[in-house]
């Protein structure tokens, strides 16, 4: 049996060694590798995987977390509610989709004050986190920053195209769900969702949760350190979601 991580582009994704190590420890005869798919070939490649009797599962990363939704059956309430998938598992002639990213995000911010939350970026991960968080933390207020138009998401959810100083001043938790700061491209790696002026405007007790973890030190990380804001990246979230994904993969594998 074999597994992949599917995305475009892929830059030495952490899932490959994590999954390989898990399979070796559990003595499971499953391989794991990268499968970089160009957008024009996405539909064809997914059809080919579904027909392959040796295909077991795939981690799904950008830019396909939302696009894959039309090709799967939802595996649980979180995946359906978030409408974003980061794991697919083949079950007979169907693909079952799960979102384990949100599980990692929930545990990452468990002990942090969440009265006023700002989410930067409403792509696959950002929208999934928003939908689940707004359901879990009903007494919290949300401001979301998105360059794309969004449908009405709830009375306590404000959508804006950019961050204004008056919006960031009272935020308790800032979550960067965009690729800004990541090593996906030169354009991203030199960028930050918060500039120096905005960081200076925030509460001293602000917590910044950056889902980016490659590179370990980003521009946002440096600014947070300079102004002594509590910062952590997405490494723990990635580990938690990978463990949850592997638990599900093992569960299906034992049924084969």
Protein backbone atom coordinates (compact mmCIF):
# COMPACT_ATOMS: atom_id res chain seq x y z
CA UNK A 1 0.00 0.00 0.00
CA UNK A 2 1.14 3.57 -0.54
CA UNK A 3 0.36 7.10 0.65
CA UNK A 4 1.21 10.57 -0.65
CA UNK A 5 1.16 14.19 0.32
CA UNK A 6 -0.53 16.14 -2.48
CA UNK A 7 0.08 19.83 -3.12
CA UNK A 8 1.64 22.39 -5.45
CA UNK A 9 4.33 23.39 -5.00
CA UNK A 10 5.84 21.02 -2.43
CA UNK A 11 9.03 21.98 -0.58
CA UNK A 12 10.24 19.04 1.51
CA UNK A 13 6.94 18.66 3.44
CA UNK A 14 7.24 17.51 7.04
CA UNK A 15 4.49 14.92 6.58
CA UNK A 16 6.73 12.57 4.60
CA UNK A 17 9.27 11.78 7.37
CA UNK A 18 6.54 11.86 10.05
CA UNK A 19 4.39 9.32 8.24
CA UNK A 20 7.35 7.13 7.29
CA UNK A 21 8.55 7.03 10.89
CA UNK A 22 5.06 6.09 12.11
CA UNK A 23 4.70 3.29 9.56
CA UNK A 24 8.13 1.90 10.48
CA UNK A 25 7.41 1.95 14.21
CA UNK A 26 4.06 0.23 13.72
CA UNK A 27 5.63 -2.23 11.22
CA UNK A 28 3.04 -1.34 8.60
CA UNK A 29 3.85 -2.13 4.97
CA UNK A 30 2.96 1.32 3.67
CA UNK A 31 5.14 3.74 1.72
CA UNK A 32 4.89 7.54 1.85
CA UNK A 33 6.08 10.06 -0.75
CA UNK A 34 5.46 13.47 -2.30
CA UNK A 35 3.01 13.86 -5.18
CA UNK A 36 3.26 17.33 -6.63
CA UNK A 37 0.30 17.94 -8.95
CA UNK A 38 -0.07 20.94 -11.21
CA UNK A 39 -3.59 22.43 -11.03
CA UNK A 40 -4.39 21.51 -14.65
CA UNK A 41 -3.75 17.81 -13.89
CA UNK A 42 -5.49 17.68 -10.50
CA UNK A 43 -8.80 16.04 -11.50
CA UNK A 44 -7.11 13.36 -13.63
CA UNK A 45 -4.58 12.44 -10.93
CA UNK A 46 -7.28 12.08 -8.27
CA UNK A 47 -9.26 9.76 -10.56
CA UNK A 48 -6.14 7.66 -11.14
CA UNK A 49 -5.48 7.36 -7.40
CA UNK A 50 -9.05 6.26 -6.74
CA UNK A 51 -8.70 3.47 -9.31
CA UNK A 52 -5.35 2.26 -7.95
CA UNK A 53 -5.95 -0.75 -5.66
CA UNK A 54 -2.72 -0.07 -3.74
CA UNK A 55 -3.55 3.54 -2.85
CA UNK A 56 -4.46 4.03 0.82
CA UNK A 57 -4.40 7.73 1.80
CA UNK A 58 -3.02 11.21 1.12
CA UNK A 59 -2.29 14.29 3.15
CA UNK A 60 -3.66 17.32 1.29
CA UNK A 61 -1.98 20.70 1.38
CA UNK A 62 -2.21 24.01 -0.48
CA UNK A 63 -3.81 24.79 -2.85
CA UNK A 64 -6.16 21.78 -2.81
CA UNK A 65 -7.76 21.73 0.66
CA UNK A 66 -11.02 23.17 -0.65
CA UNK A 67 -10.84 21.85 -4.22
CA UNK A 68 -10.74 18.22 -3.02
CA UNK A 69 -14.08 18.67 -1.20
CA UNK A 70 -16.12 18.00 -4.36
CA UNK A 71 -14.48 14.59 -4.74
CA UNK A 72 -14.93 13.13 -1.25
CA UNK A 73 -17.47 11.96 1.31
CA UNK A 74 -17.10 13.79 4.62
CA UNK A 75 -15.63 11.58 7.33
CA UNK A 76 -16.87 13.50 10.36
CA UNK A 77 -18.70 16.65 11.50
CA UNK A 78 -15.56 18.83 11.64
CA UNK A 79 -14.67 18.06 8.02
CA UNK A 80 -18.20 18.81 6.85
CA UNK A 81 -18.53 21.94 8.97
CA UNK A 82 -15.18 23.35 7.89
CA UNK A 83 -15.67 22.41 4.21
CA UNK A 84 -11.88 21.99 3.97
CA UNK A 85 -9.93 18.73 3.78
CA UNK A 86 -6.32 17.93 4.64
CA UNK A 87 -6.59 14.12 4.62
CA UNK A 88 -8.22 11.68 2.22
CA UNK A 89 -8.49 7.93 2.78
CA UNK A 90 -9.65 5.43 0.19
CA UNK A 91 -12.52 3.24 1.37
CA UNK A 92 -13.56 0.76 -1.35
CA UNK A 93 -14.55 2.99 -4.30
CA UNK A 94 -14.86 6.22 -2.32
CA UNK A 95 -12.57 8.87 -0.89
CA UNK A 96 -13.30 9.81 2.72
CA UNK A 97 -12.19 13.31 3.67
CA UNK A 98 -11.12 14.64 7.07
CA UNK A 99 -9.89 17.90 8.53
CA UNK A 100 -7.30 17.26 11.23
CA UNK A 101 -5.82 20.79 10.94
CA UNK A 102 -8.62 22.17 13.11
CA UNK A 103 -7.94 19.58 15.84
CA UNK A 104 -4.34 20.81 15.97
CA UNK A 105 -5.45 24.45 16.08
CA UNK A 106 -7.96 23.87 18.90
CA UNK A 107 -5.34 22.22 21.11
CA UNK A 108 -2.73 24.87 20.25
CA UNK A 109 -4.83 27.75 21.65
CA UNK A 110 -6.58 25.84 24.43
CA UNK A 111 -5.13 27.91 27.32
CA UNK A 112 -5.05 31.30 25.55
CA UNK A 113 -7.47 34.19 26.09
CA UNK A 114 -9.84 34.32 23.13
CA UNK A 115 -12.31 37.16 23.75
CA UNK A 116 -11.28 39.07 20.60
CA UNK A 117 -9.79 37.03 17.76
CA UNK A 118 -8.39 38.17 14.44
CA UNK A 119 -7.85 35.64 11.64
CA UNK A 120 -5.67 36.71 8.74
CA UNK A 121 -6.47 34.74 5.57
CA UNK A 122 -9.62 32.78 4.81
CA UNK A 123 -8.31 30.08 2.52
CA UNK A 124 -8.85 26.40 3.26
CA UNK A 125 -7.23 26.40 6.72
CA UNK A 126 -8.39 29.88 7.75
CA UNK A 127 -12.03 29.32 6.92
CA UNK A 128 -11.98 25.91 8.60
CA UNK A 129 -10.53 27.39 11.80
CA UNK A 130 -13.02 30.28 11.73
CA UNK A 131 -16.07 28.07 11.31
CA UNK A 132 -15.11 25.68 14.09
CA UNK A 133 -13.80 28.38 16.45
CA UNK A 134 -16.90 30.55 16.02
CA UNK A 135 -18.99 27.54 16.99
CA UNK A 136 -16.81 26.58 19.96
CA UNK A 137 -16.18 30.07 21.33
CA UNK A 138 -19.62 31.62 21.07
CA UNK A 139 -18.74 34.54 23.37
CA UNK A 140 -15.76 35.60 21.26
CA UNK A 141 -15.69 38.36 18.65
CA UNK A 142 -14.01 37.73 15.29
CA UNK A 143 -12.40 40.05 12.77
CA UNK A 144 -11.22 38.31 9.62
CA UNK A 145 -8.95 39.70 6.94
CA UNK A 146 -9.54 38.40 3.44
CA UNK A 147 -8.68 39.77 0.01
CA UNK A 148 -11.55 37.77 -1.50
CA UNK A 149 -15.26 38.39 -1.09
CA UNK A 150 -16.88 36.24 1.59
CA UNK A 151 -20.47 35.26 2.18
CA UNK A 152 -22.20 36.32 5.42
CA UNK A 153 -20.49 34.29 8.15
CA UNK A 154 -22.38 35.40 11.27
CA UNK A 155 -23.31 38.48 13.31
CA UNK A 156 -20.15 38.42 15.45
CA UNK A 157 -17.83 37.93 12.47
CA UNK A 158 -16.52 41.05 10.72
CA UNK A 159 -14.80 40.66 7.34
CA UNK A 160 -12.32 43.30 6.15
CA UNK A 161 -9.86 43.53 3.27
CA UNK A 162 -7.02 44.96 5.37
CA UNK A 163 -6.02 45.51 8.99
CA UNK A 164 -6.72 48.89 10.51
CA UNK A 165 -4.98 50.19 13.62
CA UNK A 166 -8.25 50.53 15.54
CA UNK A 167 -9.11 46.88 14.80
CA UNK A 168 -5.85 45.39 16.06
CA UNK A 169 -5.61 47.42 19.29
CA UNK A 170 -7.91 45.19 21.37
CA UNK A 171 -7.17 41.78 19.84
CA UNK A 172 -6.22 38.99 22.27
CA UNK A 173 -5.36 36.32 19.71
CA UNK A 174 -4.05 36.91 16.18
CA UNK A 175 -3.95 33.86 13.88
CA UNK A 176 -2.03 34.02 10.63
CA UNK A 177 -3.64 31.51 8.26
CA UNK A 178 -1.99 32.92 5.15
CA UNK A 179 1.29 31.77 3.51
CA UNK A 180 2.91 35.16 4.28
CA UNK A 181 6.31 34.50 5.83
CA UNK A 182 6.57 30.95 4.46
CA UNK A 183 9.29 29.63 2.18
CA UNK A 184 6.82 28.80 -0.60
CA UNK A 185 8.20 31.72 -2.62
CA UNK A 186 10.54 34.71 -2.38
CA UNK A 187 7.48 36.94 -2.34
CA UNK A 188 6.05 35.24 0.75
CA UNK A 189 9.25 34.74 2.76
CA UNK A 190 9.97 38.47 2.93
CA UNK A 191 6.39 39.34 3.97
CA UNK A 192 4.44 39.53 7.22
CA UNK A 193 0.69 39.84 7.89
CA UNK A 194 1.51 42.44 10.56
CA UNK A 195 3.95 45.26 9.93
CA UNK A 196 5.96 47.02 12.63
CA UNK A 197 3.45 49.83 13.07
CA UNK A 198 0.57 47.40 13.64
CA UNK A 199 2.56 45.23 16.06
CA UNK A 200 3.34 48.34 18.14
CA UNK A 201 -0.41 49.09 18.29
CA UNK A 202 -1.34 45.75 19.84
CA UNK A 203 -1.82 44.79 23.48
CA UNK A 204 1.34 43.77 25.31
CA UNK A 205 -0.44 40.50 26.16
CA UNK A 206 -1.37 39.74 22.55
CA UNK A 207 -0.75 36.14 21.46
CA UNK A 208 0.28 35.57 17.86
CA UNK A 209 -0.37 32.11 16.45
CA UNK A 210 1.36 31.72 13.09
CA UNK A 211 0.44 28.50 11.26
CA UNK A 212 3.62 28.94 9.17
CA UNK A 213 6.51 26.84 10.50
CA UNK A 214 8.91 26.91 7.53
CA UNK A 215 11.18 28.76 8.03
CA UNK A 216 11.29 28.59 11.82
CA UNK A 217 12.13 32.29 12.07
CA UNK A 218 9.86 34.50 9.97
CA UNK A 219 9.56 38.26 9.67
CA UNK A 220 6.46 38.08 11.92
CA UNK A 221 8.46 36.08 14.45
CA UNK A 222 11.22 38.72 14.51
CA UNK A 223 8.76 41.60 14.98
CA UNK A 224 6.95 39.72 17.75
CA UNK A 225 10.21 39.14 19.57
CA UNK A 226 11.27 42.78 19.14
CA UNK A 227 8.08 44.06 20.80
CA UNK A 228 7.81 41.18 23.30
CA UNK A 229 4.55 39.73 22.04
CA UNK A 230 3.76 36.09 22.77
CA UNK A 231 4.43 34.19 19.53
CA UNK A 232 4.34 30.56 18.48
CA UNK A 233 4.36 28.97 15.05
CA UNK A 234 2.42 26.07 13.52
CA UNK A 235 4.90 23.32 14.35
CA UNK A 236 2.87 21.92 17.26
CA UNK A 237 -0.36 22.22 15.26
CA UNK A 238 1.28 20.30 12.41
CA UNK A 239 2.44 17.53 14.75
CA UNK A 240 -0.98 17.17 16.41
CA UNK A 241 -2.85 17.08 13.10
CA UNK A 242 -0.36 14.54 11.68
CA UNK A 243 -0.84 12.25 14.70
CA UNK A 244 -4.62 12.44 14.29
CA UNK A 245 -4.32 11.75 10.56
CA UNK A 246 -2.08 8.74 11.13
CA UNK A 247 -4.50 7.33 13.71
CA UNK A 248 -7.23 7.41 11.06
CA UNK A 249 -4.98 5.94 8.36
CA UNK A 250 -3.99 3.06 10.64
CA UNK A 251 -7.65 2.43 11.50
CA UNK A 252 -8.57 2.00 7.82
CA UNK A 253 -5.42 -0.03 7.05
CA UNK A 254 -6.27 -2.64 9.69
CA UNK A 255 -9.66 -3.16 8.04
CA UNK A 256 -8.14 -4.07 4.67
